[in-house]
């Protein structure tokens, strides 16, 4: 029997939804607000969740985002139920991770169809694999509020990082200064010895030296970065065919005589239209240097950095 959690601060609405779904063979668990909804989901591991948007303590938007951001509950389909039908509300519902959106003037068949379709879509997304069923977890209200605070902190950080990258477009003068600005931001958030932006059409690499690095480390890094560019952009360049421009104001390159590159990371830069224009690359002499937090930060930077660089690139020819 499929299980559905319904969270709404209206007893009447909870009774209506429970009655409709129970007649269709669903087991229904009710909650009065967003905190109880999150608790119920972690306790019961339902097949679907219905959340009212406007609830006490924690809204449906926040509850949905909490559930979608946790690997234990991310695959559970969420339906947002509200009296609001403005485009902005649907937008925020989508941003919160909702899979469906219904207004409270729904007809019974519409509700049943939304629930069954959401569950079926989740099954298709799993490719026929059974749903993930971690052990039940009993959360106290303080646990839920702690997760809300963590979520808000993370979203504030994400917004700040993205804003810093996009602000380069208005403060930088010229292409090279734009690239330097992007690499400088990376150095503040992700520890690395060498960072670079490589552009395919221009056959140019812009390398920033953040900490002491050996010449051997540098050579390994350039080779790996060019290989990454070839793989991402479909080019077939050798390091000798790439014009490498190095920013090393503190003369850190060569200061370390022994270190070699132990960790390398790259990601494609997709400009307008999704076309790969180059790659962003980082390296470190330490093994497993880039934590999950660092990787998440890089994913935040990836898209805005690519657009900022592509805009600067299209506005003026990079120096080759």
Foldseek 3Di string as FASTA:
>chain_A
DFEEEEEDLDPVLLVVVCVLVVVVPYHYHYHNFLLVQLQCCLAPVGQAYEAEQDGPPDGPLLSLLLQCVDPQRVLRAYEYEYQDDDPVVVVSCVVSPHPYYYYSVDDSVVVVVVSVVRSVVSCVVVVNDDDRDDHRDRDDSVNVVVSSVVVVVVVVVLVVLLVQLLVLLVVADAQVSNQVSLVVSLVVQAPFQKKWWAFDVQLEIEIEGDAADEPQQVVVQLQVQVVVFCVQQVDDDGSVSHHYHYDDVPPRYRPDHDFHWADKDKDFQAEPPRHGGTMIMGTHSDHPRQDPSSVVSCVSSRHSSSHSSVVSCVVDPDDD
